[in-house]
N, C-alpha and C. Protein backbone atom coordinates (compact mmCIF):
# COMPACT_ATOMS: atom_id res chain seq x y z
N MET A 1 -8.21 -21.24 -5.58
CA MET A 1 -9.23 -20.22 -6.38
C MET A 1 -8.44 -18.94 -6.70
N GLN A 2 -9.04 -18.42 -7.80
CA GLN A 2 -7.77 -17.28 -8.15
C GLN A 2 -8.99 -15.91 -9.07
N LEU A 3 -8.70 -14.64 -8.10
CA LEU A 3 -9.28 -13.14 -8.24
C LEU A 3 -8.46 -12.37 -9.54
N ARG A 4 -9.07 -12.56 -9.74
CA ARG A 4 -7.90 -10.93 -10.92
C ARG A 4 -8.77 -9.54 -10.36
N LEU A 5 -7.81 -8.57 -10.57
CA LEU A 5 -8.59 -7.65 -10.19
C LEU A 5 -8.22 -6.05 -11.79
N TYR A 6 -9.44 -6.02 -11.97
CA TYR A 6 -8.08 -4.37 -13.43
C TYR A 6 -8.90 -3.34 -13.58
N PHE A 7 -8.18 -2.82 -13.58
CA PHE A 7 -8.74 -1.14 -14.11
C PHE A 7 -7.87 -0.38 -14.39
N LEU A 8 -8.39 0.65 -14.91
CA LEU A 8 -7.67 1.70 -15.94
C LEU A 8 -6.80 3.29 -15.28
N LEU A 9 -5.60 3.54 -14.70
CA LEU A 9 -5.31 4.62 -14.48
C LEU A 9 -4.48 5.57 -15.23
N THR A 10 -5.31 6.29 -16.08
CA THR A 10 -5.87 6.58 -16.98
C THR A 10 -5.72 5.48 -18.19
N THR A 11 -4.94 5.98 -19.38
CA THR A 11 -4.44 5.66 -19.66
C THR A 11 -3.54 4.72 -20.00
N PHE A 12 -3.17 4.85 -19.32
CA PHE A 12 -1.18 4.44 -19.39
C PHE A 12 -1.18 3.62 -18.31
N CYS A 13 -2.28 3.33 -17.08
CA CYS A 13 -1.48 1.92 -16.04
C CYS A 13 -2.72 0.86 -15.79
N LYS A 14 -2.47 -0.33 -15.41
CA LYS A 14 -3.62 -1.23 -15.34
C LYS A 14 -3.10 -2.33 -14.33
N ILE A 15 -4.28 -2.34 -13.15
CA ILE A 15 -3.94 -3.24 -12.03
C ILE A 15 -4.56 -4.65 -12.68
N ASN A 16 -2.93 -5.61 -11.72
CA ASN A 16 -3.74 -6.65 -11.66
C ASN A 16 -3.72 -7.47 -10.50
N ALA A 17 -4.52 -7.62 -10.11
CA ALA A 17 -4.47 -8.28 -8.37
C ALA A 17 -4.72 -10.09 -8.75
N THR A 18 -4.16 -10.92 -7.54
CA THR A 18 -4.70 -12.25 -7.61
C THR A 18 -4.46 -12.31 -6.18
N LYS A 19 -4.82 -13.56 -5.43
CA LYS A 19 -5.23 -13.77 -4.22
C LYS A 19 -4.94 -15.57 -4.49
N PHE A 20 -3.46 -15.95 -3.13
CA PHE A 20 -3.01 -16.56 -3.33
C PHE A 20 -3.75 -17.38 -1.32
N PHE A 21 -3.93 -18.47 -2.21
CA PHE A 21 -4.72 -19.46 -0.28
C PHE A 21 -3.35 -20.01 -0.08
N SER A 22 -3.04 -20.58 0.89
CA SER A 22 -1.95 -21.54 1.18
C SER A 22 -2.45 -21.98 2.56
N VAL A 23 -1.94 -23.09 3.19
CA VAL A 23 -2.58 -23.90 4.92
C VAL A 23 -2.28 -22.76 6.09
N ASN A 24 -1.11 -22.58 5.78
CA ASN A 24 -1.07 -21.33 6.72
C ASN A 24 -0.87 -20.08 6.55
N LEU A 25 -1.44 -19.52 5.57
CA LEU A 25 -0.98 -17.91 4.97
C LEU A 25 -1.54 -17.55 4.07
N PHE A 26 -2.53 -16.17 4.59
CA PHE A 26 -3.34 -15.73 3.29
C PHE A 26 -2.06 -14.67 2.44
N VAL A 27 -2.02 -14.15 1.29
CA VAL A 27 -1.19 -13.62 0.52
C VAL A 27 -2.38 -13.02 0.02
N TYR A 28 -2.26 -11.40 -0.23
CA TYR A 28 -2.71 -10.82 -1.12
C TYR A 28 -1.30 -10.01 -1.78
N ILE A 29 -1.60 -10.28 -3.31
CA ILE A 29 -0.30 -9.57 -4.29
C ILE A 29 -1.37 -8.56 -5.38
N CYS A 30 -1.03 -7.45 -5.17
CA CYS A 30 -1.26 -6.93 -5.77
C CYS A 30 -0.16 -5.39 -6.78
N THR A 31 -0.57 -6.16 -8.30
CA THR A 31 0.73 -5.43 -9.51
C THR A 31 -0.10 -4.47 -9.68
N ILE A 32 0.31 -3.14 -9.73
CA ILE A 32 0.29 -2.17 -11.06
C ILE A 32 0.94 -2.05 -11.07
N THR A 33 0.99 -1.56 -13.13
CA THR A 33 1.49 -1.67 -13.63
C THR A 33 1.47 -0.09 -14.66
N ASN A 34 2.48 0.66 -14.75
CA ASN A 34 2.84 1.65 -15.84
C ASN A 34 2.76 1.04 -17.40
N THR A 35 1.74 1.11 -18.26
CA THR A 35 2.55 0.58 -19.83
C THR A 35 2.93 2.43 -20.03
N ASN A 36 3.42 2.90 -19.61
CA ASN A 36 4.12 4.17 -20.22
C ASN A 36 5.06 3.30 -20.50
N THR A 37 6.13 4.37 -20.97
CA THR A 37 7.72 3.80 -21.32
C THR A 37 8.56 3.49 -20.01
N ASN A 38 8.12 4.29 -18.51
CA ASN A 38 8.22 4.43 -17.85
C ASN A 38 7.66 3.07 -16.81
N MET A 39 8.25 2.01 -17.27
CA MET A 39 7.58 0.78 -16.33
C MET A 39 7.35 0.80 -15.16
N LYS A 40 6.55 1.05 -14.17
CA LYS A 40 6.54 0.77 -12.86
C LYS A 40 5.53 0.38 -12.63
N SER A 41 5.90 -0.40 -11.41
CA SER A 41 5.23 -1.28 -10.49
C SER A 41 5.31 -2.07 -8.94
N ILE A 42 3.93 -2.18 -8.33
CA ILE A 42 4.49 -2.06 -7.23
C ILE A 42 3.32 -3.54 -6.67
N THR A 43 3.48 -3.73 -5.55
CA THR A 43 3.10 -5.16 -4.82
C THR A 43 2.83 -5.08 -3.42
N VAL A 44 1.47 -4.36 -2.99
CA VAL A 44 1.18 -4.77 -2.15
C VAL A 44 0.91 -5.85 -1.31
N LEU A 45 1.87 -6.05 0.21
CA LEU A 45 2.13 -7.46 0.78
C LEU A 45 1.33 -7.78 1.91
N GLN A 46 0.43 -8.68 2.14
CA GLN A 46 0.09 -9.50 2.73
C GLN A 46 0.37 -10.77 3.76
N GLY A 47 0.59 -10.96 4.77
CA GLY A 47 0.80 -11.81 5.33
C GLY A 47 1.69 -12.71 5.89
N ASP A 48 1.97 -13.34 6.89
CA ASP A 48 2.74 -13.68 7.89
C ASP A 48 4.14 -13.37 7.57
N ASP A 49 4.14 -13.76 6.49
CA ASP A 49 5.35 -13.59 6.08
C ASP A 49 6.61 -12.89 5.63
N ILE A 50 5.95 -11.35 5.67
CA ILE A 50 6.48 -10.13 5.30
C ILE A 50 7.15 -9.39 6.56
N TYR A 51 6.59 -9.87 7.42
CA TYR A 51 7.14 -9.37 8.77
C TYR A 51 8.94 -8.44 8.90
N GLY A 52 9.93 -10.02 9.11
CA GLY A 52 11.34 -9.10 8.81
C GLY A 52 11.46 -8.60 7.89
N GLN A 53 10.83 -8.38 6.52
CA GLN A 53 11.35 -7.80 5.20
C GLN A 53 11.31 -6.11 5.85
N THR A 54 10.44 -5.47 6.16
CA THR A 54 10.29 -4.22 7.41
C THR A 54 11.18 -3.82 8.07
N ASP A 55 12.59 -4.56 8.69
CA ASP A 55 13.10 -4.61 9.69
C ASP A 55 13.55 -3.58 9.60
N GLY A 56 14.66 -2.86 10.22
CA GLY A 56 15.93 -1.79 9.55
C GLY A 56 15.23 -0.56 8.77
N SER A 57 14.09 -1.06 8.58
CA SER A 57 13.32 1.00 7.97
C SER A 57 12.48 2.09 9.10
N SER A 58 12.86 3.14 8.20
CA SER A 58 13.28 4.23 8.89
C SER A 58 11.97 5.61 8.02
N LYS A 59 12.15 6.39 8.66
CA LYS A 59 11.06 7.10 8.20
C LYS A 59 11.28 7.58 6.88
N THR A 60 11.36 7.90 5.62
CA THR A 60 12.35 8.60 3.98
C THR A 60 11.19 9.53 4.18
N GLY A 61 10.14 9.78 4.04
CA GLY A 61 9.14 10.50 3.46
C GLY A 61 7.72 10.76 4.51
N ASP A 62 6.74 11.46 3.59
CA ASP A 62 5.20 11.89 3.89
C ASP A 62 4.14 11.66 2.53
N LEU A 63 2.92 11.22 2.97
CA LEU A 63 2.10 11.59 1.74
C LEU A 63 0.85 12.20 2.07
N ARG A 64 1.05 13.51 1.63
CA ARG A 64 0.11 14.77 1.96
C ARG A 64 -1.21 14.18 1.99
N ASN A 65 -2.03 15.54 2.16
CA ASN A 65 -3.57 15.55 1.50
C ASN A 65 -3.85 14.53 1.21
N THR A 66 -3.48 12.89 1.98
CA THR A 66 -3.71 12.11 1.77
C THR A 66 -5.47 10.64 3.34
N THR A 67 -6.16 10.65 2.30
CA THR A 67 -6.63 9.98 3.59
C THR A 67 -6.86 8.56 3.83
N PHE A 68 -7.51 8.01 4.61
CA PHE A 68 -7.38 6.30 4.15
C PHE A 68 -8.20 5.88 3.49
N ALA A 69 -9.12 6.45 3.33
CA ALA A 69 -9.62 5.48 2.35
C ALA A 69 -9.18 6.03 0.74
N ASP A 70 -7.93 7.01 0.51
CA ASP A 70 -7.24 7.21 -0.67
C ASP A 70 -6.64 5.26 -0.31
N LEU A 71 -5.75 5.70 0.19
CA LEU A 71 -4.99 5.06 0.87
C LEU A 71 -5.95 3.62 -0.04
N LYS A 72 -6.64 3.66 1.28
CA LYS A 72 -7.90 1.56 0.97
C LYS A 72 -7.97 1.39 -0.54
N ARG A 73 -8.71 2.66 -1.13
CA ARG A 73 -9.03 2.53 -2.38
C ARG A 73 -7.95 2.07 -3.71
N VAL A 74 -6.29 2.81 -3.38
CA VAL A 74 -5.83 2.30 -4.26
C VAL A 74 -4.48 1.31 -4.12
N LEU A 75 -4.73 1.04 -2.82
CA LEU A 75 -3.90 -0.49 -2.18
C LEU A 75 -3.84 -1.78 -2.14
N GLY A 76 -5.30 -1.45 -1.32
CA GLY A 76 -6.72 -2.89 -0.92
C GLY A 76 -6.27 -2.26 0.51
N GLU A 77 -6.26 -3.69 1.43
CA GLU A 77 -6.44 -3.51 2.74
C GLU A 77 -4.97 -3.58 3.29
N PRO A 78 -5.08 -2.32 4.84
CA PRO A 78 -3.66 -2.20 5.06
C PRO A 78 -2.97 -3.67 5.13
N THR A 79 -1.83 -4.13 5.04
CA THR A 79 -1.04 -5.33 5.87
C THR A 79 -1.35 -5.57 7.38
N TRP A 80 -0.98 -4.34 8.24
CA TRP A 80 -1.40 -4.85 9.05
C TRP A 80 -2.19 -4.07 9.92
N GLY A 81 -3.30 -4.13 11.58
CA GLY A 81 -4.19 -3.26 12.06
C GLY A 81 -4.09 -2.75 13.11
N PRO A 82 -4.71 -2.04 14.00
CA PRO A 82 -4.70 -2.15 15.22
C PRO A 82 -4.08 -2.75 16.28
N GLU A 83 -4.94 -3.79 15.52
CA GLU A 83 -3.60 -5.32 16.99
C GLU A 83 -2.74 -6.22 16.31
N ASP A 84 -2.30 -5.57 15.66
CA ASP A 84 -1.45 -5.56 15.19
C ASP A 84 0.45 -4.66 16.06
N SER A 85 -0.25 -3.88 16.45
CA SER A 85 0.40 -3.44 17.00
C SER A 85 1.20 -3.01 18.58
N GLY A 86 2.03 -3.21 18.93
CA GLY A 86 2.93 -4.07 20.04
C GLY A 86 2.12 -2.44 21.14
N ASP A 87 3.22 -1.41 20.60
CA ASP A 87 3.19 -0.51 21.27
C ASP A 87 2.17 0.59 21.20
N GLY A 88 0.83 0.35 19.54
CA GLY A 88 0.10 1.19 19.23
C GLY A 88 0.32 2.76 18.91
N LYS A 89 1.33 2.72 19.00
CA LYS A 89 2.54 3.67 18.16
C LYS A 89 1.44 3.86 16.44
N VAL A 90 1.00 2.55 16.08
CA VAL A 90 0.76 2.53 14.72
C VAL A 90 -0.48 1.84 14.56
N GLN A 91 -1.65 2.43 13.72
CA GLN A 91 -2.94 2.10 13.85
C GLN A 91 -3.85 0.66 12.64
N TYR A 92 -2.47 1.29 11.38
CA TYR A 92 -2.91 0.83 9.98
C TYR A 92 -1.53 1.37 8.81
N GLU A 93 -0.60 0.07 9.01
CA GLU A 93 0.23 0.07 7.86
C GLU A 93 0.31 -0.77 6.74
N TRP A 94 0.73 -0.22 5.54
CA TRP A 94 0.62 -0.62 4.77
C TRP A 94 2.02 -1.67 4.18
N ALA A 95 2.48 -2.45 3.62
CA ALA A 95 4.28 -2.14 3.18
C ALA A 95 3.58 -2.85 1.88
N VAL A 96 4.93 -2.62 1.46
CA VAL A 96 4.32 -2.58 -0.87
C VAL A 96 5.57 -2.20 -1.00
N GLU A 97 5.77 -3.50 -1.88
CA GLU A 97 7.31 -3.67 -2.38
C GLU A 97 7.30 -2.31 -4.58
N PHE A 98 8.48 -1.82 -4.10
CA PHE A 98 7.68 -1.16 -5.15
C PHE A 98 9.51 -1.09 -6.37
N GLU A 99 9.56 -1.41 -7.12
CA GLU A 99 10.93 -1.46 -7.90
C GLU A 99 11.74 -2.32 -7.50
N GLY A 100 11.26 -3.12 -6.70
CA GLY A 100 12.58 -4.08 -5.98
C GLY A 100 12.53 -3.43 -4.41
N ASP A 101 12.33 -2.88 -3.35
CA ASP A 101 12.34 -2.44 -2.34
C ASP A 101 10.96 -2.04 -2.17
N ILE A 102 10.73 -2.15 -0.39
CA ILE A 102 9.95 -2.39 -0.16
C ILE A 102 10.24 -1.83 0.85
N PHE A 103 8.82 -0.85 0.77
CA PHE A 103 8.69 0.50 1.65
C PHE A 103 7.51 0.60 2.36
N THR A 104 6.71 1.62 3.73
CA THR A 104 5.71 1.16 4.89
C THR A 104 5.10 2.68 3.85
N ILE A 105 3.84 2.31 4.12
CA ILE A 105 2.71 3.60 4.51
C ILE A 105 2.34 3.57 6.39
N TYR A 106 2.26 4.44 6.83
CA TYR A 106 1.52 4.41 8.01
C TYR A 106 1.37 5.89 8.24
N ASP A 107 0.58 5.65 9.64
CA ASP A 107 0.37 6.47 10.65
C ASP A 107 1.73 6.74 12.31
N TRP A 108 1.82 7.38 11.59
CA TRP A 108 2.50 7.05 13.35
C TRP A 108 2.37 8.44 14.65
N LYS A 109 2.20 7.75 15.73
CA LYS A 109 1.69 8.16 16.61
C LYS A 109 0.17 8.75 17.13
N THR A 110 -0.57 8.39 16.39
CA THR A 110 -2.12 8.85 16.35
C THR A 110 -2.71 8.37 17.41
N PHE A 111 -2.19 6.88 17.48
CA PHE A 111 -3.21 6.84 19.60
C PHE A 111 -4.71 6.81 18.66
N ASP A 112 -5.13 6.73 18.31
CA ASP A 112 -6.51 6.71 17.57
C ASP A 112 -7.36 6.65 16.43
N GLU A 113 -7.60 4.91 16.68
CA GLU A 113 -7.58 4.56 15.54
C GLU A 113 -9.30 5.82 14.43
N SER A 114 -9.94 5.61 15.25
CA SER A 114 -11.24 6.82 14.65
C SER A 114 -10.48 8.29 13.60
N TYR A 115 -9.27 8.43 14.61
CA TYR A 115 -8.94 9.79 14.10
C TYR A 115 -8.07 9.34 12.41
N THR A 116 -7.86 8.03 12.63
CA THR A 116 -6.25 7.79 11.50
C THR A 116 -7.81 7.86 10.65
N LEU A 117 -8.82 6.87 10.55
CA LEU A 117 -9.50 6.76 9.24
C LEU A 117 -10.28 7.65 9.29
N ASN A 118 -10.40 8.92 10.08
CA ASN A 118 -11.68 9.65 9.00
C ASN A 118 -10.53 11.50 9.71
N LYS A 119 -9.70 11.36 9.61
CA LYS A 119 -8.83 12.53 10.14
C LYS A 119 -7.59 13.18 9.06
N LEU A 120 -7.37 11.62 9.54
CA LEU A 120 -5.68 11.81 9.16
C LEU A 120 -5.52 12.22 8.24
N THR A 121 -4.37 13.20 7.59
CA THR A 121 -4.60 13.55 5.97
C THR A 121 -2.64 13.55 5.74
N THR A 122 -1.64 12.89 7.07
CA THR A 122 -0.65 13.43 6.97
C THR A 122 -0.07 11.52 6.96
N TRP A 123 0.40 11.02 6.60
CA TRP A 123 0.85 9.04 5.96
C TRP A 123 2.30 9.47 6.25
N SER A 124 2.92 8.86 7.10
CA SER A 124 4.12 8.89 7.04
C SER A 124 4.54 7.42 6.34
N VAL A 125 5.86 7.60 5.29
CA VAL A 125 6.20 6.69 4.50
C VAL A 125 7.94 6.01 5.22
N GLY A 126 7.78 4.83 5.32
CA GLY A 126 9.63 4.09 5.61
C GLY A 126 9.72 3.80 4.81
N GLY A 127 10.90 3.52 4.62
CA GLY A 127 11.87 2.32 3.93
C GLY A 127 13.09 2.47 4.27
N LYS A 128 14.55 1.10 3.20
CA LYS A 128 15.50 1.70 3.61
C LYS A 128 16.63 2.47 2.54
N VAL A 129 15.74 3.23 1.21
CA VAL A 129 15.60 3.51 0.58
C VAL A 129 15.37 5.07 0.77
N TYR A 130 15.59 5.86 -0.17
CA TYR A 130 14.71 7.38 -1.10
C TYR A 130 13.79 6.33 -1.78
N SER A 131 12.76 7.17 -0.83
CA SER A 131 10.89 7.09 -1.67
C SER A 131 10.71 8.03 -2.21
N GLY A 132 11.26 9.17 -2.54
CA GLY A 132 10.99 10.64 -3.66
C GLY A 132 9.72 9.82 -4.62
N ASP A 133 10.77 8.88 -5.41
CA ASP A 133 9.81 8.09 -6.73
C ASP A 133 8.69 7.50 -6.68
N PHE A 134 8.37 6.15 -5.19
CA PHE A 134 7.37 5.85 -5.03
C PHE A 134 6.48 6.78 -4.32
N GLU A 135 6.70 7.92 -3.57
CA GLU A 135 5.65 8.49 -2.88
C GLU A 135 5.11 9.33 -4.63
N THR A 136 5.61 10.03 -5.49
CA THR A 136 5.25 10.55 -6.36
C THR A 136 4.03 9.61 -7.22
N PHE A 137 4.81 8.07 -7.25
CA PHE A 137 3.59 7.16 -7.85
C PHE A 137 2.44 6.19 -6.81
N ILE A 138 2.46 6.74 -5.39
CA ILE A 138 1.01 6.70 -5.08
C ILE A 138 0.35 7.68 -5.06
N GLU A 139 0.97 8.92 -4.86
CA GLU A 139 -0.18 10.51 -5.19
C GLU A 139 -0.71 10.34 -6.58
N SER A 140 0.41 10.08 -7.55
CA SER A 140 -0.16 9.71 -8.77
C SER A 140 -1.73 8.77 -9.28
N LEU A 141 -1.86 7.68 -8.24
CA LEU A 141 -2.33 6.73 -8.09
C LEU A 141 -4.24 7.30 -7.45
N ILE A 142 -4.12 7.99 -5.72
CA ILE A 142 -3.89 8.52 -5.75
C ILE A 142 -4.97 9.60 -6.53
N LYS A 143 -4.64 10.19 -6.82
CA LYS A 143 -4.82 11.72 -8.34
C LYS A 143 -5.89 11.54 -8.72
N ASN A 144 -6.08 10.25 -9.43
CA ASN A 144 -6.77 9.52 -10.56
C ASN A 144 -7.93 9.27 -10.64
N LYS A 145 -8.06 8.77 -9.04
CA LYS A 145 -9.44 8.64 -7.92
C LYS A 145 -9.95 7.31 -8.52
N THR A 146 -9.06 6.09 -9.20
CA THR A 146 -10.24 5.19 -10.66
C THR A 146 -10.43 4.42 -9.70
N MET A 147 -12.07 3.41 -9.59
CA MET A 147 -11.99 3.06 -9.41
C MET A 147 -11.77 1.39 -9.43
N PRO A 148 -11.75 0.15 -9.03
CA PRO A 148 -10.99 -0.80 -9.67
C PRO A 148 -12.16 -1.38 -9.76
N SER A 149 -12.58 -2.58 -10.70
CA SER A 149 -13.96 -3.39 -11.81
C SER A 149 -13.11 -4.55 -11.46
N LEU A 150 -13.81 -5.97 -10.72
CA LEU A 150 -13.86 -6.88 -10.13
C LEU A 150 -13.66 -8.48 -11.81
N GLU A 151 -13.20 -8.86 -11.61
CA GLU A 151 -13.31 -9.95 -12.40
C GLU A 151 -13.55 -10.94 -12.66
N ARG A 152 -14.14 -11.96 -12.53
CA ARG A 152 -13.81 -13.21 -12.04
C ARG A 152 -13.67 -14.53 -12.98
């Protein structure tokens, strides 16, 4: 089964998402490509095989004036939810590949799922390298407020 998701992010960008199913693993890969001369792509990772890819990362920046709904609209379902946090310090987290590097977007120590879902507006960005270009790209996706349309 294959699901493709397309939409325009102004006249410069498009999104292509595909779902892959395997015996023990569900992976949702979302690729956003900027068709301007500055090609940029982003992949939202889902599934058990990505846990090790974020090891060794640390906070590298913030996304400000950004809500859970904003992130969910442009990135889809979070990679991890409250049930995945061993110590409750993170309620929701996205693992994202951008330009070959892995970044995470997460709520740090809110300890309150309702607050994260409804009131939080500053999200932490983690990674192993500089995240400024990634933050700018995510902020531009949110600013465009583009709603996806499904094609089956």
